[in-house]
């Protein structure tokens, strides 16, 4: 099979196209022929690596697993003898988690992995762009106890987490204010944002309005920046917090009446199934900025790392057979 590998840490040029043996499923595994994957911020940070401490988990001097990628859409090509949840021919999407390895034509995954059937309304390749940003946004918004009528402010509203957060917050009945550059105003409005603040035209901290939930998807500002924008007992979501910001949030959770949400988002199967239901109900659609073939992975990494993508960057691996 074809796969993109990184045998050493470094710039996008370390990504190479290789021919590797096609994996075979174990008794409790499924073999997936991958239609598409996506390049996310976590991918290029592992490639660099950033922060350097990730070497302790993923390989001190070189990567232990040379294949990046955590999201996919594809088709079940074969199943192990003990598999009961999926059948050959099922069109599926999901996340591979710590196993990664979706920058390839095939992958074997446990049938209990974060996988679900692709909703009929979702184009099969495009489904690969859903899990990363949407699972993150769903985890934090549900943890925030969002409810109908809440006012939600989303900073970084045009990124993969941001576009998902807009759609989810609207599905939950919230009033959404999106912060993005003026070039992305039309996109966030199309996704359902009620109000838009263009950070390149005005200082978003000057707004006199306060919000029940402030969702910082980027981590570029110190968290104190957002406190004046919170209602009393409001919730600040820091889904991309640094270690220092996490300690700050833990302290503030103990000493203030605000709620601060940090940490790693859950990859629970039930969350993906809830997202599938929202897709079927037309609350969530894929937002794709650019598409690259597998062979152009280094170009895709360069583009994503530049930090200006709108939504998601899709990597086409093999064509989906739509039945």
Protein backbone atom coordinates (compact mmCIF):
# COMPACT_ATOMS: atom_id res chain seq x y z
CA UNK A 1 0.00 0.00 0.00
CA UNK A 2 0.99 3.64 -0.39
CA UNK A 3 1.62 5.63 2.77
CA UNK A 4 3.15 8.94 3.78
CA UNK A 5 5.85 8.47 6.41
CA UNK A 6 8.05 10.68 8.55
CA UNK A 7 11.13 8.75 9.62
CA UNK A 8 12.60 11.80 11.35
CA UNK A 9 11.18 14.90 13.01
CA UNK A 10 11.39 18.14 11.07
CA UNK A 11 9.94 20.35 8.35
CA UNK A 12 7.24 19.22 5.89
CA UNK A 13 10.03 17.86 3.67
CA UNK A 14 10.50 14.88 6.02
CA UNK A 15 7.16 13.53 4.75
CA UNK A 16 7.82 10.83 2.14
CA UNK A 17 5.67 8.58 -0.02
CA UNK A 18 6.52 4.91 0.58
CA UNK A 19 5.24 1.48 -0.38
CA UNK A 20 4.50 -0.54 2.77
CA UNK A 21 2.94 -3.96 3.41
CA UNK A 22 -0.85 -3.98 3.50
CA UNK A 23 -1.96 -4.74 7.07
CA UNK A 24 -4.07 -7.77 7.99
CA UNK A 25 -6.85 -7.54 10.59
CA UNK A 26 -6.63 -9.46 13.86
CA UNK A 27 -9.64 -11.31 15.25
CA UNK A 28 -11.27 -8.19 16.70
CA UNK A 29 -10.18 -5.77 13.97
CA UNK A 30 -11.49 -4.41 10.70
CA UNK A 31 -9.40 -3.62 7.63
CA UNK A 32 -10.35 -0.21 6.26
CA UNK A 33 -9.64 0.98 2.73
CA UNK A 34 -9.23 4.69 3.35
CA UNK A 35 -10.99 7.15 1.04
CA UNK A 36 -9.60 10.32 2.63
CA UNK A 37 -7.91 11.83 5.65
CA UNK A 38 -7.29 15.41 6.78
CA UNK A 39 -4.36 17.49 8.00
CA UNK A 40 -4.92 19.01 11.43
CA UNK A 41 -2.83 21.16 13.76
CA UNK A 42 -1.93 18.13 15.86
CA UNK A 43 -0.38 16.44 12.82
CA UNK A 44 2.19 19.13 12.07
CA UNK A 45 2.94 19.62 15.76
CA UNK A 46 3.88 15.95 16.07
CA UNK A 47 5.93 16.17 12.88
CA UNK A 48 8.08 19.06 14.20
CA UNK A 49 7.66 18.17 17.20
CA UNK A 50 6.04 21.02 19.14
CA UNK A 51 6.38 21.01 22.09
CA UNK A 52 9.55 18.95 22.33
CA UNK A 53 8.15 17.03 25.29
CA UNK A 54 6.01 14.96 22.89
CA UNK A 55 9.20 13.03 22.10
CA UNK A 56 8.77 11.27 25.46
CA UNK A 57 5.57 9.68 24.17
CA UNK A 58 6.06 9.42 20.41
CA UNK A 59 9.80 8.72 20.18
CA UNK A 60 12.81 10.38 21.78
CA UNK A 61 15.12 10.55 18.75
CA UNK A 62 12.78 9.60 15.92
CA UNK A 63 9.07 8.76 15.63
CA UNK A 64 8.10 5.31 16.92
CA UNK A 65 5.17 5.25 14.49
CA UNK A 66 6.26 6.75 11.16
CA UNK A 67 2.71 7.30 9.84
CA UNK A 68 0.78 10.37 10.98
CA UNK A 69 -2.96 11.07 10.67
CA UNK A 70 -5.82 10.49 13.10
CA UNK A 71 -8.99 10.94 11.02
CA UNK A 72 -10.38 9.03 8.08
CA UNK A 73 -13.31 8.01 5.98
CA UNK A 74 -13.31 4.70 4.19
CA UNK A 75 -14.84 1.31 3.54
CA UNK A 76 -14.57 -1.93 5.47
CA UNK A 77 -12.68 -4.32 3.18
CA UNK A 78 -12.24 -7.25 5.57
CA UNK A 79 -13.13 -8.19 9.15
CA UNK A 80 -11.58 -10.39 11.81
CA UNK A 81 -13.35 -13.56 12.86
CA UNK A 82 -14.70 -12.05 16.09
CA UNK A 83 -16.01 -8.77 14.65
CA UNK A 84 -19.76 -8.22 15.07
CA UNK A 85 -20.26 -4.43 14.79
CA UNK A 86 -19.30 -3.96 11.15
CA UNK A 87 -19.66 -5.78 7.85
CA UNK A 88 -17.59 -5.82 4.69
CA UNK A 89 -18.71 -2.91 2.52
CA UNK A 90 -19.73 -0.59 5.38
CA UNK A 91 -18.88 3.05 4.69
CA UNK A 92 -17.34 4.40 7.89
CA UNK A 93 -15.54 7.39 9.35
CA UNK A 94 -13.85 8.20 12.61
CA UNK A 95 -10.58 8.59 14.50
CA UNK A 96 -7.63 6.28 15.01
CA UNK A 97 -6.48 7.98 18.21
CA UNK A 98 -2.97 7.29 19.47
CA UNK A 99 -2.50 4.65 16.78
CA UNK A 100 -2.58 7.40 14.13
CA UNK A 101 -1.61 5.87 10.72
CA UNK A 102 -4.38 7.32 8.52
CA UNK A 103 -1.93 8.83 6.01
CA UNK A 104 -2.15 5.52 4.15
CA UNK A 105 -4.34 3.51 1.80
CA UNK A 106 -5.24 0.98 4.50
CA UNK A 107 -5.49 0.73 8.27
CA UNK A 108 -6.55 -1.95 10.73
CA UNK A 109 -8.60 -0.78 13.70
CA UNK A 110 -10.37 -2.41 16.60
CA UNK A 111 -14.11 -2.64 16.04
CA UNK A 112 -14.48 -0.72 19.32
CA UNK A 113 -12.46 2.25 18.04
CA UNK A 114 -14.07 5.66 17.50
CA UNK A 115 -15.89 4.67 14.31
CA UNK A 116 -19.40 5.11 12.96
CA UNK A 117 -21.30 4.63 9.71
CA UNK A 118 -21.13 7.69 7.45
CA UNK A 119 -24.55 9.40 7.34
CA UNK A 120 -26.21 9.18 3.91
CA UNK A 121 -26.28 12.97 3.57
CA UNK A 122 -22.50 13.33 3.98
CA UNK A 123 -20.23 12.93 0.93
CA UNK A 124 -18.04 9.92 1.67
CA UNK A 125 -14.62 11.57 1.27
CA UNK A 126 -15.70 14.75 3.06
CA UNK A 127 -16.65 12.76 6.16
CA UNK A 128 -12.93 12.53 6.96
CA UNK A 129 -12.89 16.23 7.86
CA UNK A 130 -15.62 15.93 10.48
CA UNK A 131 -14.14 14.05 13.49
CA UNK A 132 -11.19 16.20 14.62
CA UNK A 133 -12.79 19.64 14.92
CA UNK A 134 -16.32 18.46 15.58
CA UNK A 135 -15.39 15.94 18.28
CA UNK A 136 -13.38 18.66 20.02
CA UNK A 137 -16.14 21.25 19.81
CA UNK A 138 -18.82 18.74 20.85
CA UNK A 139 -16.83 17.61 23.89
CA UNK A 140 -16.28 21.11 25.24
CA UNK A 141 -19.70 22.55 24.41
CA UNK A 142 -21.52 19.68 26.08
CA UNK A 143 -19.18 19.92 29.09
CA UNK A 144 -20.06 23.63 29.29
CA UNK A 145 -23.74 22.63 29.69
CA UNK A 146 -24.74 24.81 26.77
CA UNK A 147 -28.48 25.36 26.48
CA UNK A 148 -30.95 27.07 24.20
CA UNK A 149 -30.77 30.84 24.45
CA UNK A 150 -27.17 30.99 25.65
CA UNK A 151 -24.95 33.64 24.14
CA UNK A 152 -21.74 32.08 22.83
CA UNK A 153 -18.59 33.88 21.64
CA UNK A 154 -16.20 31.86 19.46
CA UNK A 155 -12.64 33.09 18.91
CA UNK A 156 -10.95 31.47 15.91
CA UNK A 157 -14.32 30.82 14.34
CA UNK A 158 -13.05 29.93 10.86
CA UNK A 159 -10.70 27.09 11.85
CA UNK A 160 -11.61 23.40 12.02
CA UNK A 161 -12.79 23.62 15.64
CA UNK A 162 -14.38 27.01 15.12
CA UNK A 163 -16.57 26.08 12.15
CA UNK A 164 -17.75 23.01 14.05
CA UNK A 165 -18.40 25.05 17.20
CA UNK A 166 -20.60 27.50 15.28
CA UNK A 167 -22.73 24.73 13.82
CA UNK A 168 -23.01 22.83 17.08
CA UNK A 169 -23.84 25.90 19.16
CA UNK A 170 -26.60 26.78 16.70
CA UNK A 171 -27.91 23.21 16.84
CA UNK A 172 -28.10 23.57 20.63
CA UNK A 173 -30.16 26.76 20.21
CA UNK A 174 -27.49 29.32 21.15
CA UNK A 175 -26.95 32.83 19.83
CA UNK A 176 -23.48 32.85 18.28
CA UNK A 177 -20.97 35.68 17.87
CA UNK A 178 -18.00 34.68 15.73
CA UNK A 179 -14.58 36.35 15.83
CA UNK A 180 -12.60 35.99 12.59
CA UNK A 181 -10.86 38.02 9.91
CA UNK A 182 -13.04 40.04 7.54
CA UNK A 183 -12.20 37.69 4.66
CA UNK A 184 -13.99 34.89 6.52
CA UNK A 185 -17.12 36.82 7.47
CA UNK A 186 -19.27 35.30 4.75
CA UNK A 187 -18.22 31.78 5.72
CA UNK A 188 -19.14 32.08 9.41
CA UNK A 189 -22.42 33.81 8.55
CA UNK A 190 -23.28 30.98 6.16
CA UNK A 191 -22.63 28.50 8.97
CA UNK A 192 -25.13 30.30 11.18
CA UNK A 193 -23.27 32.94 13.18
CA UNK A 194 -25.72 35.62 14.32
CA UNK A 195 -23.04 38.26 14.75
CA UNK A 196 -19.48 38.66 13.46
CA UNK A 197 -16.56 40.60 14.90
CA UNK A 198 -13.67 41.10 12.47
CA UNK A 199 -10.49 41.23 14.50
CA UNK A 200 -8.66 43.00 11.66
CA UNK A 201 -11.13 45.89 11.85
CA UNK A 202 -11.92 46.18 15.55
CA UNK A 203 -10.64 45.08 18.94
CA UNK A 204 -13.00 42.33 20.04
CA UNK A 205 -12.34 43.17 23.70
CA UNK A 206 -14.09 46.52 23.14
CA UNK A 207 -17.48 44.86 22.84
CA UNK A 208 -19.84 45.83 25.65
CA UNK A 209 -21.70 42.53 25.47
CA UNK A 210 -21.08 39.61 27.81
CA UNK A 211 -21.53 35.93 27.08
CA UNK A 212 -22.56 32.74 28.81
CA UNK A 213 -19.79 30.83 27.03
CA UNK A 214 -16.56 32.07 25.48
CA UNK A 215 -14.83 29.44 23.33
CA UNK A 216 -11.16 30.18 22.58
CA UNK A 217 -10.13 27.69 19.91
CA UNK A 218 -6.61 29.03 19.34
CA UNK A 219 -4.85 29.88 22.60
CA UNK A 220 -3.13 32.97 21.16
CA UNK A 221 -4.23 35.29 23.97
CA UNK A 222 -3.71 34.96 27.71
CA UNK A 223 -7.02 33.75 29.19
CA UNK A 224 -7.44 36.92 31.24
CA UNK A 225 -8.21 38.66 27.94
CA UNK A 226 -11.59 36.93 27.81
CA UNK A 227 -12.71 37.35 31.43
CA UNK A 228 -14.37 40.78 30.93
CA UNK A 229 -16.50 39.16 28.19
CA UNK A 230 -17.95 36.51 30.51
CA UNK A 231 -21.21 36.80 32.37
CA UNK A 232 -21.13 36.03 36.07
CA UNK A 233 -20.89 32.22 36.42
CA UNK A 234 -20.01 32.02 32.72
CA UNK A 235 -17.77 29.40 31.13
CA UNK A 236 -14.45 29.93 29.34
CA UNK A 237 -13.36 27.06 27.08
CA UNK A 238 -9.63 26.82 26.43
CA UNK A 239 -9.31 23.90 24.03
CA UNK A 240 -5.78 24.80 22.91
CA UNK A 241 -4.28 25.88 26.23
CA UNK A 242 -0.60 25.78 27.05
CA UNK A 243 0.63 24.14 30.24
CA UNK A 244 0.83 27.55 31.94
CA UNK A 245 -2.73 28.39 30.86
CA UNK A 246 -3.96 25.06 32.19
CA UNK A 247 -2.47 25.74 35.64
CA UNK A 248 -4.01 29.22 35.55
CA UNK A 249 -7.42 27.75 34.70
CA UNK A 250 -7.20 25.15 37.47
CA UNK A 251 -6.43 27.89 39.99
CA UNK A 252 -9.26 30.10 38.72
CA UNK A 253 -11.71 27.19 38.96
CA UNK A 254 -10.92 27.08 42.68
CA UNK A 255 -10.94 30.82 43.34
CA UNK A 256 -13.68 32.32 41.12
CA UNK A 257 -17.29 31.68 40.21
CA UNK A 258 -16.43 31.17 36.55
CA UNK A 259 -15.98 27.75 34.96
CA UNK A 260 -12.82 27.04 32.98
CA UNK A 261 -12.69 24.01 30.71
CA UNK A 262 -9.32 22.63 29.62
CA UNK A 263 -7.71 19.33 28.71
CA UNK A 264 -8.02 16.76 25.96
CA UNK A 265 -11.34 16.19 24.24
CA UNK A 266 -13.02 12.81 24.53
CA UNK A 267 -12.97 10.43 21.56
CA UNK A 268 -15.93 8.45 22.88
CA UNK A 269 -17.89 6.51 20.28
CA UNK A 270 -21.17 7.84 21.69
CA UNK A 271 -20.01 11.39 20.91
CA UNK A 272 -19.31 10.46 17.29
CA UNK A 273 -22.72 8.80 17.05
CA UNK A 274 -24.35 11.97 18.40
CA UNK A 275 -22.49 13.95 15.73
CA UNK A 276 -23.67 11.51 13.05
CA UNK A 277 -27.24 12.16 14.15
CA UNK A 278 -26.72 15.92 13.90
CA UNK A 279 -25.28 15.45 10.40
CA UNK A 280 -28.35 13.43 9.40
CA UNK A 281 -30.54 16.24 10.73
CA UNK A 282 -28.62 18.75 8.56
CA UNK A 283 -27.12 20.62 11.52
CA UNK A 284 -23.51 19.89 10.52
CA UNK A 285 -21.79 20.00 7.15
CA UNK A 286 -18.16 19.67 6.11
CA UNK A 287 -16.18 22.87 5.58
CA UNK A 288 -13.28 22.24 3.23
CA UNK A 289 -10.71 24.86 2.32
CA UNK A 290 -8.39 22.86 0.05
CA UNK A 291 -7.94 19.29 -1.20
CA UNK A 292 -4.61 17.62 -1.90
CA UNK A 293 -3.71 14.17 -3.21
CA UNK A 294 -1.80 11.89 -0.84
CA UNK A 295 1.41 12.51 -2.80
CA UNK A 296 1.25 16.24 -1.96
CA UNK A 297 1.15 15.80 1.80
CA UNK A 298 4.17 18.06 2.37
CA UNK A 299 2.39 20.89 0.56
CA UNK A 300 -0.72 20.30 2.67
CA UNK A 301 1.34 20.46 5.88
CA UNK A 302 2.99 23.69 4.74
CA UNK A 303 -0.40 25.23 4.06
CA UNK A 304 -1.97 24.16 7.35
CA UNK A 305 1.06 25.20 9.39
CA UNK A 306 0.84 28.71 7.94
CA UNK A 307 -2.30 29.12 10.04
CA UNK A 308 -4.73 30.58 7.52
CA UNK A 309 -6.91 27.64 6.56
CA UNK A 310 -10.67 27.98 6.56
CA UNK A 311 -12.19 24.89 8.08
CA UNK A 312 -10.37 21.78 6.96
CA UNK A 313 -7.75 20.51 4.52
CA UNK A 314 -8.77 17.21 2.91
CA UNK A 315 -6.35 14.58 1.60
CA UNK A 316 -7.78 12.35 -1.13
CA UNK A 317 -6.39 8.82 -0.94
CA UNK A 318 -8.67 6.55 -2.91
CA UNK A 319 -12.04 7.22 -4.57
CA UNK A 320 -15.14 6.26 -2.65
CA UNK A 321 -17.45 3.80 -4.35
CA UNK A 322 -20.81 5.41 -3.77
CA UNK A 323 -23.57 2.80 -3.83
